[in-house]
C-alpha atoms as a PDB file:
ATOM      1  CA  ASN A   1       3.421 -23.587  -1.689  1.00  0.00           C
ATOM      2  CA  TRP A   2       0.549 -22.451   0.370  1.00  0.00           C
ATOM      3  CA  TYR A   3      -1.457 -25.415  -0.770  1.00  0.00           C
ATOM      4  CA  SER A   4       0.867 -27.640   1.316  1.00  0.00           C
ATOM      5  CA  GLU A   5       0.129 -25.621   4.279  1.00  0.00           C
ATOM      6  CA  PHE A   6      -3.513 -24.864   4.079  1.00  0.00           C
ATOM      7  CA  PRO A   7      -6.632 -26.650   2.610  1.00  0.00           C
ATOM      8  CA  ALA A   8      -7.392 -25.603  -0.990  1.00  0.00           C
ATOM      9  CA  GLU A   9     -10.772 -24.425   0.080  1.00  0.00           C
ATOM     10  CA  SER A  10      -9.244 -21.794   2.383  1.00  0.00           C
ATOM     11  CA  ILE A  11      -7.126 -20.121  -0.442  1.00  0.00           C
ATOM     12  CA  LEU A  12      -8.836 -17.680  -3.015  1.00  0.00           C
ATOM     13  CA  ILE A  13      -6.661 -16.372  -5.804  1.00  0.00           C
ATOM     14  CA  VAL A  14      -8.234 -13.417  -7.555  1.00  0.00           C
ATOM     15  CA  ASP A  15      -7.194 -12.067 -10.970  1.00  0.00           C
ATOM     16  CA  TYR A  16      -6.758  -8.393 -10.905  1.00  0.00           C
ATOM     17  CA  ARG A  17      -8.535  -8.104 -14.274  1.00  0.00           C
ATOM     18  CA  GLU A  18     -11.658  -9.453 -12.440  1.00  0.00           C
ATOM     19  CA  ILE A  19     -11.265  -6.601 -10.003  1.00  0.00           C
ATOM     20  CA  GLU A  20     -10.912  -4.031 -12.715  1.00  0.00           C
ATOM     21  CA  ASN A  21     -13.814  -5.359 -14.866  1.00  0.00           C
ATOM     22  CA  ASN A  22     -16.303  -6.472 -12.055  1.00  0.00           C
ATOM     23  CA  PRO A  23     -15.258  -4.967  -8.795  1.00  0.00           C
ATOM     24  CA  ARG A  24     -18.670  -5.579  -7.021  1.00  0.00           C
ATOM     25  CA  ASP A  25     -18.521  -9.388  -8.108  1.00  0.00           C
ATOM     26  CA  ALA A  26     -14.925  -9.625  -6.950  1.00  0.00           C
ATOM     27  CA  LEU A  27     -15.869  -8.024  -3.627  1.00  0.00           C
ATOM     28  CA  MET A  28     -18.817 -10.564  -3.284  1.00  0.00           C
ATOM     29  CA  ARG A  29     -16.592 -13.443  -3.839  1.00  0.00           C
ATOM     30  CA  ILE A  30     -13.898 -12.410  -1.404  1.00  0.00           C
ATOM     31  CA  ALA A  31     -16.429 -11.553   1.249  1.00  0.00           C
ATOM     32  CA  MET A  32     -18.271 -14.864   0.763  1.00  0.00           C
ATOM     33  CA  HIS A  33     -14.760 -16.714   0.751  1.00  0.00           C
ATOM     34  CA  ILE A  34     -14.003 -15.277   4.215  1.00  0.00           C
ATOM     35  CA  GLY A  35     -17.247 -16.314   5.554  1.00  0.00           C
ATOM     36  CA  VAL A  36     -19.529 -13.348   5.260  1.00  0.00           C
ATOM     37  CA  GLU A  37     -23.057 -14.697   4.422  1.00  0.00           C
ATOM     38  CA  GLU A  38     -24.156 -13.909   0.903  1.00  0.00           C
ATOM     39  CA  LYS A  39     -27.218 -11.768   1.912  1.00  0.00           C
ATOM     40  CA  ASP A  40     -24.841  -9.663   4.205  1.00  0.00           C
ATOM     41  CA  ALA A  41     -22.153  -9.386   1.638  1.00  0.00           C
ATOM     42  CA  ARG A  42     -24.592  -8.402  -1.097  1.00  0.00           C
ATOM     43  CA  SER A  43     -26.293  -5.840   1.174  1.00  0.00           C
ATOM     44  CA  TYR A  44     -22.757  -4.239   2.050  1.00  0.00           C
ATOM     45  CA  VAL A  45     -21.519  -4.275  -1.460  1.00  0.00           C
ATOM     46  CA  GLU A  46     -24.709  -2.774  -2.948  1.00  0.00           C
ATOM     47  CA  LYS A  47     -24.565   0.052  -0.434  1.00  0.00           C
ATOM     48  CA  LEU A  48     -21.042   1.047  -1.750  1.00  0.00           C
ATOM     49  CA  SER A  49     -20.875   3.980  -4.043  1.00  0.00           C
ATOM     50  CA  ASP A  50     -19.313   3.482  -7.481  1.00  0.00           C
ATOM     51  CA  GLU A  51     -16.408   5.682  -6.392  1.00  0.00           C
ATOM     52  CA  GLU A  52     -15.811   3.613  -3.263  1.00  0.00           C
ATOM     53  CA  VAL A  53     -15.891   0.325  -5.389  1.00  0.00           C
ATOM     54  CA  LYS A  54     -13.544   1.787  -8.110  1.00  0.00           C
ATOM     55  CA  GLN A  55     -11.044   3.051  -5.539  1.00  0.00           C
ATOM     56  CA  ARG A  56      -7.764   1.134  -5.100  1.00  0.00           C
ATOM     57  CA  VAL A  57      -5.235   1.498  -2.262  1.00  0.00           C
ATOM     58  CA  ASN A  58      -1.747   0.559  -2.683  1.00  0.00           C
ATOM     59  CA  ALA A  59      -0.589  -0.262   0.909  1.00  0.00           C
ATOM     60  CA  ALA A  60       3.094  -0.298  -0.178  1.00  0.00           C
ATOM     61  CA  THR A  61       3.033   3.354  -1.057  1.00  0.00           C
ATOM     62  CA  ASN A  62      -0.027   4.556   0.668  1.00  0.00           C
ATOM     63  CA  THR A  63      -1.426   5.881  -2.549  1.00  0.00           C
ATOM     64  CA  LYS A  64      -5.034   5.816  -3.855  1.00  0.00           C
ATOM     65  CA  SER A  65      -6.119   5.469  -7.522  1.00  0.00           C
ATOM     66  CA  ASP A  66      -9.216   4.618  -9.367  1.00  0.00           C
ATOM     67  CA  VAL A  67      -9.699   1.657 -11.694  1.00  0.00           C
ATOM     68  CA  GLY A  68      -7.998   3.307 -14.526  1.00  0.00           C
ATOM     69  CA  GLY A  69      -4.836   3.717 -12.260  1.00  0.00           C
ATOM     70  CA  ARG A  70      -4.960   7.476 -12.084  1.00  0.00           C
ATOM     71  CA  ASN A  71      -3.362   8.450  -8.736  1.00  0.00           C
ATOM     72  CA  ASN A  72      -4.936  10.709  -6.204  1.00  0.00           C
ATOM     73  CA  VAL A  73      -1.520  11.494  -4.508  1.00  0.00           C
ATOM     74  CA  SER A  74      -1.227  13.807  -1.697  1.00  0.00           C
ATOM     75  CA  LYS A  75       1.833  16.094  -1.581  1.00  0.00           C
ATOM     76  CA  GLU A  76       3.468  14.029   1.145  1.00  0.00           C
ATOM     77  CA  GLN A  77       3.273  11.079  -1.220  1.00  0.00           C
ATOM     78  CA  THR A  78       4.511  12.902  -4.317  1.00  0.00           C
ATOM     79  CA  ALA A  79       8.221  12.196  -3.609  1.00  0.00           C
ATOM     80  CA  THR A  80       7.513   8.465  -3.110  1.00  0.00           C
ATOM     81  CA  SER A  81       5.440   8.175  -6.203  1.00  0.00           C
ATOM     82  CA  ARG A  82       8.054   9.801  -8.372  1.00  0.00           C
ATOM     83  CA  SER A  83      10.576   7.067  -7.226  1.00  0.00           C
ATOM     84  CA  HIS A  84       8.303   4.302  -8.833  1.00  0.00           C
ATOM     85  CA  TYR A  85       8.856   3.948 -12.522  1.00  0.00           C
ATOM     86  CA  SER A  86       7.003   1.635 -14.861  1.00  0.00           C
ATOM     87  CA  LEU A  87       9.057  -1.283 -16.176  1.00  0.00           C
ATOM     88  CA  SER A  88       8.237  -0.192 -19.602  1.00  0.00           C
ATOM     89  CA  GLN A  89      10.424   2.883 -18.952  1.00  0.00           C
ATOM     90  CA  ARG A  90      13.292   0.749 -18.003  1.00  0.00           C
ATOM     91  CA  PRO A  91      13.774  -1.968 -20.544  1.00  0.00           C
ATOM     92  CA  ARG A  92      17.026  -3.481 -19.003  1.00  0.00           C
ATOM     93  CA  LEU A  93      15.380  -3.927 -15.733  1.00  0.00           C
ATOM     94  CA  ARG A  94      12.223  -5.351 -17.419  1.00  0.00           C
ATOM     95  CA  LYS A  95      14.514  -7.922 -19.205  1.00  0.00           C
ATOM     96  CA  GLN A  96      16.044  -9.136 -15.902  1.00  0.00           C
ATOM     97  CA  MET A  97      12.751  -9.267 -14.276  1.00  0.00           C
ATOM     98  CA  GLU A  98      11.344 -11.357 -17.117  1.00  0.00           C
ATOM     99  CA  ARG A  99      14.405 -13.807 -16.811  1.00  0.00           C
ATOM    100  CA  LEU A 100      13.873 -14.045 -13.136  1.00  0.00           C
ATOM    101  CA  LEU A 101      10.123 -14.379 -12.886  1.00  0.00           C
ATOM    102  CA  CYS A 102       9.459 -16.496 -15.991  1.00  0.00           C
ATOM    103  CA  PRO A 103       9.940 -19.793 -14.249  1.00  0.00           C
ATOM    104  CA  HIS A 104       7.838 -18.705 -11.345  1.00  0.00           C
ATOM    105  CA  ALA A 105       4.991 -17.390 -13.571  1.00  0.00           C
ATOM    106  CA  LYS A 106       4.982 -20.826 -15.464  1.00  0.00           C
ATOM    107  CA  LYS A 107       4.711 -22.644 -11.983  1.00  0.00           C
ATOM    108  CA  PHE A 108       1.929 -20.222 -10.876  1.00  0.00           C
ATOM    109  CA  ASN A 109       0.035 -20.978 -14.226  1.00  0.00           C
ATOM    110  CA  LEU A 110       0.203 -24.668 -13.531  1.00  0.00           C
ATOM    111  CA  LEU A 111      -1.044 -24.219 -10.023  1.00  0.00           C
ATOM    112  CA  LEU A 112      -3.865 -22.117 -11.202  1.00  0.00           C
ATOM    113  CA  LYS A 113      -4.773 -24.824 -13.672  1.00  0.00           C
ATOM    114  CA  GLU A 114      -4.553 -27.652 -11.113  1.00  0.00           C
ATOM    115  CA  GLN A 115      -6.717 -25.757  -8.691  1.00  0.00           C
ATOM    116  CA  GLY A 116      -9.306 -25.188 -11.417  1.00  0.00           C
ATOM    117  CA  TYR A 117      -9.001 -21.551 -12.022  1.00  0.00           C
ATOM    118  CA  GLY A 118     -10.081 -20.314 -15.457  1.00  0.00           C
ATOM    119  CA  TRP A 119      -7.459 -17.767 -15.858  1.00  0.00           C
ATOM    120  CA  LYS A 120      -3.583 -17.517 -16.128  1.00  0.00           C
ATOM    121  CA  THR A 121      -0.988 -14.800 -15.911  1.00  0.00           C
ATOM    122  CA  ASN A 122       0.495 -13.663 -19.138  1.00  0.00           C
ATOM    123  CA  GLU A 123       3.144 -11.615 -17.594  1.00  0.00           C
ATOM    124  CA  TYR A 124       6.714 -12.956 -17.647  1.00  0.00           C
ATOM    125  CA  THR A 125       5.794 -16.117 -19.553  1.00  0.00           C
ATOM    126  CA  ASP A 126       7.236 -17.098 -23.013  1.00  0.00           C
END
């Protein structure tokens, strides 16, 4: 539990839905959380183009996508991308993942509630 190692004010948990729905606001919150002054953060975020704000980079696969999840994959990345399947396409694996992750998702939701976050994960919970 990170909260046993670090003070609560040094931890920021961001709901991905917030990033999808309000990417500029999410960037502002993250920048201010890491110590960027509000006026500097606002100036930087306002200068970003809509395309830059919507772009997502998956560091694990080195792929880029926009908010809707459409990949802009290079030829070198095509083979890697093909090896990643949605869990909805693999129902047995999804069931196994649900069984394994459900207790952790419940604990995570309790942690979010204890820390005053106004959202919870619905994934892998009963």
